[in-house]
């Protein structure tokens, strides 16, 4: 999906060429067909080639996949997923700093209004 989000659209061969680890063409094509059948991709015909493109923006797709992963693998607990990433060392110090900043920003936006501002709103 990342290849298509970056490229906009590409043939199976172009997708294969952009993937790491010399993926076999038939394996790439199988994954493309599954993604298309599940409604993540669509294609148009250009000569003999199928040109694929993603149907959803990255954020929406990531959200759906992550929700599924949390539900199926981590028993519905997002905290378990995050703790797993921390425990396995998959998060760098920079990643952890970004997470802390995001949490701090979220806490700031969730602070209840002060009594003075609540009185002003009632007027």
C-alpha atoms as a PDB file:
ATOM      1  CA  UNK A   1       0.000   0.000   0.000  1.00  0.00           C
ATOM      2  CA  UNK A   2       2.827   2.373   0.856  1.00  0.00           C
ATOM      3  CA  UNK A   3       4.224   2.054  -2.668  1.00  0.00           C
ATOM      4  CA  UNK A   4       0.869   3.004  -4.181  1.00  0.00           C
ATOM      5  CA  UNK A   5       0.309   5.879  -1.771  1.00  0.00           C
ATOM      6  CA  UNK A   6       3.708   7.269  -2.726  1.00  0.00           C
ATOM      7  CA  UNK A   7       3.449   6.578  -6.471  1.00  0.00           C
ATOM      8  CA  UNK A   8      -0.253   7.317  -6.895  1.00  0.00           C
ATOM      9  CA  UNK A   9      -0.616   4.359  -9.230  1.00  0.00           C
ATOM     10  CA  UNK A  10       1.599   1.579 -10.556  1.00  0.00           C
ATOM     11  CA  UNK A  11       1.603  -1.758 -12.332  1.00  0.00           C
ATOM     12  CA  UNK A  12       2.325  -4.973 -10.447  1.00  0.00           C
ATOM     13  CA  UNK A  13       5.845  -4.985 -11.921  1.00  0.00           C
ATOM     14  CA  UNK A  14       6.465  -1.393 -10.783  1.00  0.00           C
ATOM     15  CA  UNK A  15       5.220  -2.254  -7.308  1.00  0.00           C
ATOM     16  CA  UNK A  16       7.491  -5.302  -7.202  1.00  0.00           C
ATOM     17  CA  UNK A  17      10.515  -3.221  -8.210  1.00  0.00           C
ATOM     18  CA  UNK A  18       9.917  -0.751  -5.375  1.00  0.00           C
ATOM     19  CA  UNK A  19       9.573  -3.385  -2.659  1.00  0.00           C
ATOM     20  CA  UNK A  20      12.567  -4.472  -0.570  1.00  0.00           C
ATOM     21  CA  UNK A  21      13.955  -8.005  -0.467  1.00  0.00           C
ATOM     22  CA  UNK A  22      13.401  -9.090  -4.099  1.00  0.00           C
ATOM     23  CA  UNK A  23       9.798 -10.210  -3.719  1.00  0.00           C
ATOM     24  CA  UNK A  24       8.701 -12.757  -6.322  1.00  0.00           C
ATOM     25  CA  UNK A  25       6.345 -11.287  -8.940  1.00  0.00           C
ATOM     26  CA  UNK A  26       3.634 -13.921  -8.350  1.00  0.00           C
ATOM     27  CA  UNK A  27       3.680 -13.236  -4.594  1.00  0.00           C
ATOM     28  CA  UNK A  28       3.264  -9.507  -5.206  1.00  0.00           C
ATOM     29  CA  UNK A  29       0.446 -10.138  -7.676  1.00  0.00           C
ATOM     30  CA  UNK A  30      -1.338 -12.417  -5.183  1.00  0.00           C
ATOM     31  CA  UNK A  31      -1.208  -9.740  -2.495  1.00  0.00           C
ATOM     32  CA  UNK A  32      -2.436  -7.113  -4.970  1.00  0.00           C
ATOM     33  CA  UNK A  33      -5.393  -9.307  -5.942  1.00  0.00           C
ATOM     34  CA  UNK A  34      -6.324  -9.916  -2.290  1.00  0.00           C
ATOM     35  CA  UNK A  35      -6.145  -6.177  -1.555  1.00  0.00           C
ATOM     36  CA  UNK A  36      -8.289  -5.456  -4.591  1.00  0.00           C
ATOM     37  CA  UNK A  37     -10.847  -8.125  -3.650  1.00  0.00           C
ATOM     38  CA  UNK A  38     -11.065  -6.617  -0.143  1.00  0.00           C
ATOM     39  CA  UNK A  39     -11.732  -3.165  -1.600  1.00  0.00           C
ATOM     40  CA  UNK A  40      -8.401  -1.516  -0.811  1.00  0.00           C
ATOM     41  CA  UNK A  41      -7.259  -1.200  -4.444  1.00  0.00           C
ATOM     42  CA  UNK A  42      -8.757  -0.761  -7.869  1.00  0.00           C
ATOM     43  CA  UNK A  43      -7.230  -1.013 -11.317  1.00  0.00           C
ATOM     44  CA  UNK A  44      -7.576   0.194 -14.873  1.00  0.00           C
ATOM     45  CA  UNK A  45      -6.283  -1.581 -17.956  1.00  0.00           C
ATOM     46  CA  UNK A  46      -3.501   0.063 -19.929  1.00  0.00           C
ATOM     47  CA  UNK A  47      -2.484  -2.114 -22.864  1.00  0.00           C
ATOM     48  CA  UNK A  48      -1.693  -5.523 -21.359  1.00  0.00           C
ATOM     49  CA  UNK A  49      -0.966  -4.145 -17.877  1.00  0.00           C
ATOM     50  CA  UNK A  50      -3.249  -3.469 -14.959  1.00  0.00           C
ATOM     51  CA  UNK A  51      -2.495  -0.154 -13.289  1.00  0.00           C
ATOM     52  CA  UNK A  52      -3.408  -0.198  -9.603  1.00  0.00           C
ATOM     53  CA  UNK A  53      -4.239   2.615  -7.198  1.00  0.00           C
ATOM     54  CA  UNK A  54      -5.307   2.763  -3.573  1.00  0.00           C
ATOM     55  CA  UNK A  55      -8.959   3.519  -2.891  1.00  0.00           C
ATOM     56  CA  UNK A  56      -8.422   5.009   0.557  1.00  0.00           C
ATOM     57  CA  UNK A  57      -6.084   7.577   2.018  1.00  0.00           C
ATOM     58  CA  UNK A  58      -3.257   6.216   4.197  1.00  0.00           C
ATOM     59  CA  UNK A  59      -4.718   7.492   7.485  1.00  0.00           C
ATOM     60  CA  UNK A  60      -8.067   5.775   6.991  1.00  0.00           C
ATOM     61  CA  UNK A  61      -6.494   2.501   5.869  1.00  0.00           C
ATOM     62  CA  UNK A  62      -4.003   2.499   8.735  1.00  0.00           C
ATOM     63  CA  UNK A  63      -6.803   3.137  11.193  1.00  0.00           C
ATOM     64  CA  UNK A  64      -8.842   0.196   9.900  1.00  0.00           C
ATOM     65  CA  UNK A  65      -5.872  -2.170   9.875  1.00  0.00           C
ATOM     66  CA  UNK A  66      -4.692  -1.066  13.300  1.00  0.00           C
ATOM     67  CA  UNK A  67      -8.175  -1.456  14.798  1.00  0.00           C
ATOM     68  CA  UNK A  68      -8.350  -4.959  13.372  1.00  0.00           C
ATOM     69  CA  UNK A  69      -4.871  -5.798  14.698  1.00  0.00           C
ATOM     70  CA  UNK A  70      -5.680  -4.478  18.175  1.00  0.00           C
ATOM     71  CA  UNK A  71      -8.919  -6.439  18.251  1.00  0.00           C
ATOM     72  CA  UNK A  72      -7.567  -9.702  16.883  1.00  0.00           C
ATOM     73  CA  UNK A  73      -4.034  -9.836  18.281  1.00  0.00           C
ATOM     74  CA  UNK A  74      -4.068  -7.663  21.405  1.00  0.00           C
ATOM     75  CA  UNK A  75      -7.488  -8.517  22.811  1.00  0.00           C
ATOM     76  CA  UNK A  76      -8.888  -5.071  22.097  1.00  0.00           C
ATOM     77  CA  UNK A  77      -6.222  -3.310  24.164  1.00  0.00           C
ATOM     78  CA  UNK A  78      -4.331  -0.514  22.421  1.00  0.00           C
ATOM     79  CA  UNK A  79      -2.179  -0.246  25.556  1.00  0.00           C
ATOM     80  CA  UNK A  80      -1.060  -3.855  25.058  1.00  0.00           C
ATOM     81  CA  UNK A  81       0.079  -2.991  21.546  1.00  0.00           C
ATOM     82  CA  UNK A  82       2.046   0.045  22.715  1.00  0.00           C
ATOM     83  CA  UNK A  83       3.570  -1.852  25.645  1.00  0.00           C
ATOM     84  CA  UNK A  84       4.589  -4.639  23.280  1.00  0.00           C
ATOM     85  CA  UNK A  85       6.382  -2.123  21.064  1.00  0.00           C
ATOM     86  CA  UNK A  86       8.129  -0.642  24.095  1.00  0.00           C
ATOM     87  CA  UNK A  87       9.072  -4.058  25.530  1.00  0.00           C
ATOM     88  CA  UNK A  88      10.489  -5.378  22.260  1.00  0.00           C
ATOM     89  CA  UNK A  89      12.574  -2.267  21.690  1.00  0.00           C
ATOM     90  CA  UNK A  90      10.793  -1.459  18.434  1.00  0.00           C
ATOM     91  CA  UNK A  91      10.344   2.154  19.559  1.00  0.00           C
ATOM     92  CA  UNK A  92      13.403   4.372  19.402  1.00  0.00           C
ATOM     93  CA  UNK A  93      14.042   7.143  21.902  1.00  0.00           C
ATOM     94  CA  UNK A  94      12.842   9.587  19.253  1.00  0.00           C
ATOM     95  CA  UNK A  95       9.637   7.550  18.814  1.00  0.00           C
ATOM     96  CA  UNK A  96       9.068   7.611  22.578  1.00  0.00           C
ATOM     97  CA  UNK A  97       9.677  11.378  22.684  1.00  0.00           C
ATOM     98  CA  UNK A  98       7.059  11.867  19.951  1.00  0.00           C
ATOM     99  CA  UNK A  99       4.575   9.684  21.849  1.00  0.00           C
ATOM    100  CA  UNK A 100       5.145  11.690  25.046  1.00  0.00           C
ATOM    101  CA  UNK A 101       4.617  14.955  23.151  1.00  0.00           C
ATOM    102  CA  UNK A 102       1.390  13.672  21.591  1.00  0.00           C
ATOM    103  CA  UNK A 103       0.102  12.530  24.995  1.00  0.00           C
ATOM    104  CA  UNK A 104       0.993  15.890  26.568  1.00  0.00           C
ATOM    105  CA  UNK A 105      -0.813  17.726  23.757  1.00  0.00           C
ATOM    106  CA  UNK A 106      -3.860  15.533  24.168  1.00  0.00           C
ATOM    107  CA  UNK A 107      -3.932  16.148  27.922  1.00  0.00           C
ATOM    108  CA  UNK A 108      -3.813  19.902  27.279  1.00  0.00           C
ATOM    109  CA  UNK A 109      -6.783  19.758  24.897  1.00  0.00           C
ATOM    110  CA  UNK A 110      -8.811  17.613  27.338  1.00  0.00           C
ATOM    111  CA  UNK A 111      -8.399  19.921  30.351  1.00  0.00           C
ATOM    112  CA  UNK A 112     -11.781  21.048  31.669  1.00  0.00           C
ATOM    113  CA  UNK A 113     -12.622  24.704  31.350  1.00  0.00           C
ATOM    114  CA  UNK A 114     -11.882  26.850  34.384  1.00  0.00           C
ATOM    115  CA  UNK A 115     -14.858  27.884  36.557  1.00  0.00           C
ATOM    116  CA  UNK A 116     -14.521  31.496  35.294  1.00  0.00           C
ATOM    117  CA  UNK A 117     -14.781  30.472  31.630  1.00  0.00           C
ATOM    118  CA  UNK A 118     -17.724  28.188  32.416  1.00  0.00           C
ATOM    119  CA  UNK A 119     -19.554  31.135  34.073  1.00  0.00           C
ATOM    120  CA  UNK A 120     -18.888  33.301  31.004  1.00  0.00           C
ATOM    121  CA  UNK A 121     -20.329  30.583  28.720  1.00  0.00           C
ATOM    122  CA  UNK A 122     -23.577  30.475  30.758  1.00  0.00           C
ATOM    123  CA  UNK A 123     -24.204  34.208  30.305  1.00  0.00           C
END
